N, C-alpha and C. Protein backbone atom coordinates (compact mmCIF):
# COMPACT_ATOMS: atom_id res chain seq x y z
N MET A 1 -43.73 -30.68 -140.52
CA MET A 1 -42.86 -31.92 -141.18
C MET A 1 -41.29 -31.85 -140.23
N LYS A 2 -40.77 -30.74 -140.49
CA LYS A 2 -39.62 -30.85 -139.81
C LYS A 2 -39.08 -31.23 -138.47
N ASN A 3 -40.19 -30.31 -137.26
CA ASN A 3 -40.29 -30.49 -136.25
C ASN A 3 -40.23 -31.68 -135.74
N GLU A 4 -41.37 -32.77 -136.35
CA GLU A 4 -41.95 -34.18 -136.14
C GLU A 4 -40.41 -35.10 -136.50
N GLU A 5 -39.74 -34.82 -137.46
CA GLU A 5 -38.00 -35.22 -137.65
C GLU A 5 -37.58 -34.95 -136.58
N ASN A 6 -37.59 -33.57 -136.09
CA ASN A 6 -36.41 -33.54 -134.94
C ASN A 6 -36.73 -34.50 -133.72
N HIS A 7 -38.31 -34.18 -133.62
CA HIS A 7 -38.70 -34.95 -132.30
C HIS A 7 -38.45 -36.46 -132.38
N ASN A 8 -38.27 -37.15 -133.17
CA ASN A 8 -38.44 -38.54 -133.69
C ASN A 8 -36.68 -38.83 -133.64
N SER A 9 -36.08 -37.69 -134.16
CA SER A 9 -34.19 -37.81 -133.82
C SER A 9 -34.26 -37.89 -132.65
N LYS A 10 -34.39 -36.95 -131.57
CA LYS A 10 -34.45 -37.12 -130.28
C LYS A 10 -34.72 -38.13 -129.44
N SER A 11 -35.75 -38.36 -129.63
CA SER A 11 -36.46 -39.67 -129.09
C SER A 11 -36.07 -41.22 -129.41
N ARG A 12 -35.12 -41.65 -130.39
CA ARG A 12 -34.87 -43.00 -130.76
C ARG A 12 -33.89 -42.82 -130.11
N ARG A 13 -33.22 -44.58 -129.89
CA ARG A 13 -32.53 -44.89 -129.22
C ARG A 13 -30.69 -44.25 -129.70
N SER A 14 -29.98 -44.26 -129.26
CA SER A 14 -28.80 -43.93 -129.59
C SER A 14 -27.61 -45.32 -129.23
N ARG A 15 -26.31 -45.18 -129.78
CA ARG A 15 -25.69 -46.00 -129.25
C ARG A 15 -24.73 -45.42 -128.02
N GLN A 16 -24.87 -44.23 -127.52
CA GLN A 16 -24.29 -43.34 -126.92
C GLN A 16 -24.90 -42.91 -125.91
N ARG A 17 -26.31 -43.29 -126.23
CA ARG A 17 -27.46 -43.13 -124.85
C ARG A 17 -26.89 -44.55 -124.51
N ASP A 18 -27.30 -45.69 -124.52
CA ASP A 18 -27.65 -46.83 -124.19
C ASP A 18 -26.31 -47.31 -123.61
N LEU A 19 -24.82 -46.51 -124.51
CA LEU A 19 -23.85 -47.01 -123.24
C LEU A 19 -23.71 -45.31 -121.84
N ILE A 20 -24.36 -44.82 -122.14
CA ILE A 20 -24.27 -43.90 -120.67
C ILE A 20 -24.92 -44.43 -120.06
N LEU A 21 -26.38 -44.97 -120.20
CA LEU A 21 -27.22 -45.39 -119.46
C LEU A 21 -26.62 -46.76 -118.71
N ALA A 22 -26.24 -47.48 -119.77
CA ALA A 22 -25.46 -48.98 -118.94
C ALA A 22 -24.41 -49.01 -118.23
N THR A 23 -23.64 -47.56 -118.24
CA THR A 23 -22.27 -47.42 -117.66
C THR A 23 -22.81 -46.86 -116.03
N LEU A 24 -23.79 -45.90 -116.45
CA LEU A 24 -24.41 -45.56 -115.00
C LEU A 24 -25.47 -46.38 -114.26
N ARG A 25 -25.84 -47.49 -114.91
CA ARG A 25 -26.46 -48.33 -113.60
C ARG A 25 -25.68 -49.36 -113.57
N GLY A 26 -24.48 -49.42 -114.02
CA GLY A 26 -23.54 -50.43 -113.64
C GLY A 26 -22.61 -49.98 -112.52
N THR A 27 -22.79 -48.67 -112.16
CA THR A 27 -22.11 -48.56 -110.66
C THR A 27 -22.95 -48.09 -109.95
N LYS A 28 -22.37 -48.20 -108.76
CA LYS A 28 -23.23 -47.60 -107.46
C LYS A 28 -22.32 -46.32 -106.69
N SER A 29 -21.39 -45.91 -107.50
CA SER A 29 -21.02 -44.52 -107.09
C SER A 29 -21.41 -43.38 -107.04
N HIS A 30 -22.54 -43.58 -108.14
CA HIS A 30 -23.07 -41.73 -108.05
C HIS A 30 -22.37 -40.77 -108.77
N PRO A 31 -21.90 -41.49 -110.17
CA PRO A 31 -21.03 -40.07 -110.49
C PRO A 31 -21.46 -38.91 -111.11
N THR A 32 -20.26 -37.91 -110.92
CA THR A 32 -20.73 -36.69 -111.78
C THR A 32 -21.24 -36.98 -113.23
N ALA A 33 -21.42 -35.80 -114.20
CA ALA A 33 -21.57 -36.07 -115.75
C ALA A 33 -19.94 -35.99 -115.89
N LEU A 34 -19.11 -35.43 -115.54
CA LEU A 34 -17.55 -35.59 -115.68
C LEU A 34 -16.68 -36.91 -115.30
N GLU A 35 -17.27 -37.42 -114.73
CA GLU A 35 -16.69 -38.75 -114.30
C GLU A 35 -17.35 -39.81 -114.84
N LEU A 36 -18.89 -39.44 -115.30
CA LEU A 36 -19.00 -40.49 -116.26
C LEU A 36 -18.35 -40.18 -118.09
N TYR A 37 -18.57 -39.38 -117.95
CA TYR A 37 -17.93 -39.05 -119.46
C TYR A 37 -16.61 -39.89 -119.24
N GLU A 38 -15.54 -39.76 -117.95
CA GLU A 38 -14.20 -40.54 -118.50
C GLU A 38 -14.60 -41.88 -118.31
N LYS A 39 -15.66 -42.44 -117.96
CA LYS A 39 -16.12 -43.89 -117.54
C LYS A 39 -16.38 -44.34 -119.23
N VAL A 40 -16.99 -43.33 -119.81
CA VAL A 40 -17.87 -43.75 -121.16
C VAL A 40 -16.70 -43.75 -122.40
N ARG A 41 -15.64 -42.85 -122.01
CA ARG A 41 -14.55 -42.62 -122.95
C ARG A 41 -13.61 -43.86 -123.53
N GLY A 42 -13.70 -44.45 -122.32
CA GLY A 42 -13.11 -45.73 -122.30
C GLY A 42 -13.41 -46.66 -123.56
N GLU A 43 -14.79 -46.77 -123.62
CA GLU A 43 -15.39 -47.49 -124.86
C GLU A 43 -16.05 -46.81 -126.14
N MET A 44 -16.05 -45.79 -125.81
CA MET A 44 -16.68 -44.61 -126.87
C MET A 44 -15.56 -43.22 -127.15
N PRO A 45 -14.37 -43.34 -127.52
CA PRO A 45 -13.50 -42.54 -127.26
C PRO A 45 -13.56 -41.28 -127.84
N ARG A 46 -14.18 -41.30 -128.97
CA ARG A 46 -14.73 -39.72 -129.34
C ARG A 46 -16.06 -39.20 -129.12
N ILE A 47 -16.54 -39.69 -128.07
CA ILE A 47 -17.92 -39.06 -127.28
C ILE A 47 -17.50 -37.99 -127.06
N SER A 48 -18.25 -37.04 -126.80
CA SER A 48 -17.74 -35.54 -126.36
C SER A 48 -18.66 -35.26 -125.10
N LEU A 49 -17.83 -34.65 -124.02
CA LEU A 49 -19.02 -34.25 -122.95
C LEU A 49 -20.28 -33.66 -123.05
N GLY A 50 -20.38 -32.71 -124.14
CA GLY A 50 -21.60 -32.08 -124.57
C GLY A 50 -22.89 -33.37 -124.82
N THR A 51 -22.17 -34.33 -125.19
CA THR A 51 -23.44 -35.35 -125.72
C THR A 51 -23.34 -35.72 -124.33
N VAL A 52 -22.15 -36.51 -123.61
CA VAL A 52 -22.78 -36.83 -122.34
C VAL A 52 -24.11 -36.20 -121.52
N TYR A 53 -23.65 -34.80 -121.22
CA TYR A 53 -24.46 -34.00 -120.77
C TYR A 53 -25.91 -33.99 -121.55
N ARG A 54 -25.98 -33.97 -122.86
CA ARG A 54 -27.38 -33.85 -123.56
C ARG A 54 -28.07 -35.07 -123.30
N ASN A 55 -27.63 -36.03 -123.38
CA ASN A 55 -28.05 -37.68 -122.76
C ASN A 55 -28.30 -38.01 -121.72
N LEU A 56 -27.65 -37.30 -120.51
CA LEU A 56 -28.07 -37.31 -118.94
C LEU A 56 -29.67 -36.46 -118.78
N LYS A 57 -29.44 -35.12 -119.76
CA LYS A 57 -30.48 -34.46 -119.44
C LYS A 57 -31.52 -35.32 -120.26
N TRP A 58 -31.84 -35.89 -120.95
CA TRP A 58 -33.01 -36.48 -121.73
C TRP A 58 -33.25 -37.79 -121.00
N LEU A 59 -32.61 -38.57 -120.55
CA LEU A 59 -32.79 -39.71 -119.83
C LEU A 59 -33.59 -39.27 -118.30
N ARG A 60 -32.99 -38.20 -117.45
CA ARG A 60 -33.24 -37.66 -116.61
C ARG A 60 -34.98 -37.22 -116.83
N GLU A 61 -35.13 -36.69 -117.95
CA GLU A 61 -36.27 -35.79 -118.55
C GLU A 61 -37.57 -37.06 -118.31
N ARG A 62 -36.84 -38.05 -118.86
CA ARG A 62 -37.68 -39.20 -119.47
C ARG A 62 -38.11 -40.10 -118.03
N GLY A 63 -37.60 -39.70 -116.60
CA GLY A 63 -37.47 -40.86 -115.52
C GLY A 63 -36.48 -42.01 -115.60
N GLU A 64 -35.48 -42.43 -116.75
CA GLU A 64 -34.88 -43.21 -116.62
C GLU A 64 -33.63 -43.36 -115.63
N VAL A 65 -32.96 -41.80 -115.01
CA VAL A 65 -31.96 -41.93 -114.39
C VAL A 65 -32.68 -40.62 -113.00
N LEU A 66 -31.82 -41.05 -112.19
CA LEU A 66 -32.42 -39.55 -111.23
C LEU A 66 -31.07 -38.33 -111.20
N GLU A 67 -31.14 -37.19 -111.22
CA GLU A 67 -30.13 -36.25 -111.13
C GLU A 67 -29.95 -35.65 -109.75
N LEU A 68 -29.04 -35.99 -108.77
CA LEU A 68 -29.08 -35.50 -107.40
C LEU A 68 -27.98 -34.28 -107.19
N ASP A 69 -28.97 -33.04 -107.36
CA ASP A 69 -28.53 -31.87 -107.51
C ASP A 69 -27.94 -31.52 -105.58
N TYR A 70 -27.15 -31.38 -105.17
CA TYR A 70 -27.00 -31.03 -104.11
C TYR A 70 -26.34 -29.44 -103.97
N GLY A 71 -27.10 -28.61 -105.01
CA GLY A 71 -26.38 -27.53 -104.54
C GLY A 71 -24.73 -26.70 -104.91
N ALA A 72 -24.43 -27.86 -105.52
CA ALA A 72 -22.94 -27.96 -105.60
C ALA A 72 -23.04 -27.12 -107.07
N THR A 73 -21.75 -26.87 -107.22
CA THR A 73 -21.32 -26.79 -108.61
C THR A 73 -21.96 -27.66 -109.68
N PHE A 74 -21.75 -29.02 -109.28
CA PHE A 74 -22.25 -30.39 -110.27
C PHE A 74 -23.23 -31.09 -109.77
N SER A 75 -24.02 -31.41 -110.09
CA SER A 75 -24.81 -32.95 -109.67
C SER A 75 -23.80 -34.09 -109.79
N ARG A 76 -24.87 -35.12 -109.40
CA ARG A 76 -24.30 -36.47 -109.29
C ARG A 76 -25.70 -37.48 -109.98
N PHE A 77 -25.29 -38.38 -110.71
CA PHE A 77 -26.41 -39.35 -111.29
C PHE A 77 -26.47 -40.44 -110.86
N ASP A 78 -27.82 -40.77 -110.63
CA ASP A 78 -27.98 -42.61 -110.24
C ASP A 78 -28.53 -43.21 -111.51
N GLY A 79 -28.52 -44.33 -111.81
CA GLY A 79 -29.04 -45.18 -112.77
C GLY A 79 -30.54 -45.94 -112.36
N ASN A 80 -30.21 -45.71 -110.60
CA ASN A 80 -31.69 -46.76 -110.21
C ASN A 80 -32.80 -45.29 -110.36
N ALA A 81 -33.67 -45.16 -110.97
CA ALA A 81 -34.37 -43.93 -111.08
C ALA A 81 -35.90 -44.16 -110.08
N ALA A 82 -35.47 -45.51 -109.18
CA ALA A 82 -36.78 -45.89 -108.26
C ALA A 82 -36.65 -44.92 -107.32
N ASN A 83 -37.69 -44.46 -106.45
CA ASN A 83 -37.58 -43.61 -105.09
C ASN A 83 -37.15 -44.39 -104.18
N HIS A 84 -35.49 -43.87 -104.01
CA HIS A 84 -34.89 -44.59 -102.88
C HIS A 84 -33.68 -43.54 -102.06
N TYR A 85 -33.36 -43.76 -101.08
CA TYR A 85 -32.50 -43.07 -100.30
C TYR A 85 -31.14 -42.79 -100.42
N HIS A 86 -30.36 -41.89 -100.13
CA HIS A 86 -29.09 -41.36 -100.24
C HIS A 86 -28.44 -41.02 -98.76
N PHE A 87 -27.27 -41.52 -99.14
CA PHE A 87 -26.59 -41.35 -97.61
C PHE A 87 -25.27 -40.26 -98.19
N THR A 88 -24.56 -39.31 -97.95
CA THR A 88 -23.70 -38.53 -98.51
C THR A 88 -22.44 -38.34 -97.21
N CYS A 89 -21.57 -38.54 -97.65
CA CYS A 89 -20.26 -38.46 -96.34
C CYS A 89 -19.51 -37.33 -96.87
N GLU A 90 -20.00 -36.38 -95.54
CA GLU A 90 -19.23 -35.22 -95.42
C GLU A 90 -17.78 -34.83 -95.38
N GLY A 91 -16.95 -36.67 -95.29
CA GLY A 91 -15.82 -36.42 -95.58
C GLY A 91 -15.38 -36.51 -96.63
N CYS A 92 -15.81 -37.40 -97.54
CA CYS A 92 -14.76 -37.85 -98.87
C CYS A 92 -15.91 -37.66 -100.09
N GLY A 93 -17.21 -36.86 -99.74
CA GLY A 93 -18.38 -36.53 -100.61
C GLY A 93 -19.06 -37.81 -101.66
N ARG A 94 -18.63 -38.83 -100.90
CA ARG A 94 -19.40 -40.01 -101.71
C ARG A 94 -20.70 -40.10 -101.42
N VAL A 95 -21.39 -40.69 -102.36
CA VAL A 95 -22.84 -40.67 -102.34
C VAL A 95 -23.17 -42.14 -102.18
N PHE A 96 -23.91 -42.43 -101.09
CA PHE A 96 -24.25 -44.34 -101.10
C PHE A 96 -25.78 -44.03 -100.83
N ASP A 97 -26.55 -45.37 -102.02
CA ASP A 97 -27.89 -46.07 -101.60
C ASP A 97 -27.93 -46.33 -100.62
N VAL A 98 -29.08 -46.17 -99.73
CA VAL A 98 -29.40 -46.86 -98.25
C VAL A 98 -30.68 -47.58 -98.11
N ALA A 99 -30.54 -48.19 -97.64
CA ALA A 99 -32.09 -48.92 -97.39
C ALA A 99 -32.95 -48.31 -96.12
N GLY A 100 -34.32 -47.83 -96.60
CA GLY A 100 -35.34 -47.32 -95.38
C GLY A 100 -36.43 -47.54 -95.60
N PRO A 101 -37.14 -47.24 -95.08
CA PRO A 101 -38.44 -47.79 -95.02
C PRO A 101 -39.25 -47.50 -96.50
N PRO A 102 -40.03 -48.45 -97.12
CA PRO A 102 -40.74 -48.41 -98.49
C PRO A 102 -41.59 -46.86 -98.61
N ALA A 103 -40.80 -46.11 -99.72
CA ALA A 103 -41.05 -44.66 -100.14
C ALA A 103 -42.78 -44.54 -100.36
N GLN A 104 -42.96 -45.53 -100.84
CA GLN A 104 -44.46 -45.46 -101.09
C GLN A 104 -45.65 -45.52 -99.32
N SER A 105 -45.35 -45.95 -98.59
CA SER A 105 -45.45 -45.94 -97.19
C SER A 105 -45.49 -44.82 -96.27
N LEU A 106 -44.37 -43.86 -96.81
CA LEU A 106 -43.85 -42.83 -96.18
C LEU A 106 -45.04 -41.67 -97.07
N GLU A 107 -44.99 -41.81 -97.90
CA GLU A 107 -45.72 -40.87 -98.82
C GLU A 107 -47.48 -40.91 -97.86
N ARG A 108 -47.84 -42.23 -98.29
CA ARG A 108 -49.24 -42.23 -97.94
C ARG A 108 -49.44 -41.54 -96.51
N SER A 109 -48.35 -41.81 -95.47
CA SER A 109 -48.54 -41.04 -94.41
C SER A 109 -48.52 -39.91 -94.55
N VAL A 110 -47.46 -38.87 -95.25
CA VAL A 110 -47.77 -37.90 -95.46
C VAL A 110 -49.02 -37.24 -95.98
N ALA A 111 -49.77 -38.05 -96.87
CA ALA A 111 -50.98 -37.48 -97.56
C ALA A 111 -52.14 -37.17 -96.48
N ARG A 112 -52.01 -38.35 -96.06
CA ARG A 112 -52.94 -39.04 -94.87
C ARG A 112 -53.12 -37.89 -93.52
N ASP A 113 -52.05 -37.46 -93.40
CA ASP A 113 -51.68 -36.23 -92.36
C ASP A 113 -51.88 -34.81 -92.37
N THR A 114 -51.73 -34.56 -93.59
CA THR A 114 -51.73 -32.96 -94.07
C THR A 114 -52.99 -32.86 -95.09
N GLY A 115 -53.35 -33.73 -95.79
CA GLY A 115 -54.42 -33.74 -96.87
C GLY A 115 -54.12 -33.51 -98.22
N PHE A 116 -52.26 -33.32 -98.51
CA PHE A 116 -51.70 -33.10 -99.46
C PHE A 116 -51.81 -34.22 -100.21
N ARG A 117 -51.56 -34.31 -101.86
CA ARG A 117 -51.15 -34.63 -102.55
C ARG A 117 -49.88 -35.28 -103.03
N VAL A 118 -49.44 -36.05 -102.54
CA VAL A 118 -47.77 -36.15 -102.48
C VAL A 118 -47.24 -37.03 -103.99
N LEU A 119 -46.77 -36.24 -104.75
CA LEU A 119 -46.07 -36.50 -106.09
C LEU A 119 -44.53 -37.44 -105.69
N SER A 120 -43.92 -37.19 -104.91
CA SER A 120 -42.95 -37.85 -104.88
C SER A 120 -42.41 -37.14 -103.64
N HIS A 121 -41.03 -37.45 -103.23
CA HIS A 121 -40.24 -37.12 -102.02
C HIS A 121 -38.80 -37.50 -102.17
N ARG A 122 -37.76 -37.10 -101.80
CA ARG A 122 -36.35 -37.17 -101.68
C ARG A 122 -36.27 -37.18 -100.04
N LEU A 123 -35.42 -37.96 -99.32
CA LEU A 123 -34.56 -37.94 -98.28
C LEU A 123 -33.17 -38.64 -98.29
N GLU A 124 -32.47 -37.28 -97.53
CA GLU A 124 -30.95 -37.75 -97.52
C GLU A 124 -30.55 -37.52 -96.28
N PHE A 125 -29.66 -38.35 -96.07
CA PHE A 125 -28.80 -38.63 -95.02
C PHE A 125 -27.52 -38.12 -94.94
N TYR A 126 -26.81 -37.27 -94.08
CA TYR A 126 -25.92 -37.06 -93.94
C TYR A 126 -24.46 -37.18 -93.07
N GLY A 127 -23.61 -37.28 -93.14
CA GLY A 127 -22.57 -37.99 -92.48
C GLY A 127 -21.40 -38.34 -92.09
N LEU A 128 -20.52 -39.13 -91.42
CA LEU A 128 -19.30 -39.70 -92.32
C LEU A 128 -19.54 -41.04 -92.50
N CYS A 129 -19.13 -41.66 -93.43
CA CYS A 129 -18.93 -43.14 -94.05
C CYS A 129 -18.39 -43.74 -93.10
N ALA A 130 -18.20 -45.13 -93.34
CA ALA A 130 -17.29 -45.99 -92.45
C ALA A 130 -15.53 -45.78 -92.48
N ASP A 131 -15.37 -45.21 -93.98
CA ASP A 131 -14.05 -44.95 -94.13
C ASP A 131 -13.31 -43.23 -93.53
N CYS A 132 -14.49 -42.71 -93.47
CA CYS A 132 -14.25 -41.46 -92.85
C CYS A 132 -13.93 -41.14 -91.01
N GLN A 133 -14.56 -42.41 -90.65
CA GLN A 133 -14.79 -41.87 -89.10
C GLN A 133 -13.49 -42.03 -88.51
């Protein structure tokens, strides 16, 4: 019974999680957990960084947000969980959403050409943004 209670308490909605998700979906900047924590603290001063990390993990595991891990010491997070493309500026480090061919057609093409079953993909572009050129 106790495990069931713990599972239920972890899966129900919370003010913290709702605020984290709303804040993340309200930005195009692909913030780090620390940057998101700083934004959320403006509305919820007593929230802890650990709470932000735990909720980001929970949201990622359920497909609500994307974690963009570039092999650095930190990840960036995206409130748009649909499969889409990113451009990372090598000058300033900002991450931008970019339009590209529909993800499903690219996945179907790879599956057809290889015989693989494609579950998802990640396509990243790197270079210099307009401000850094």
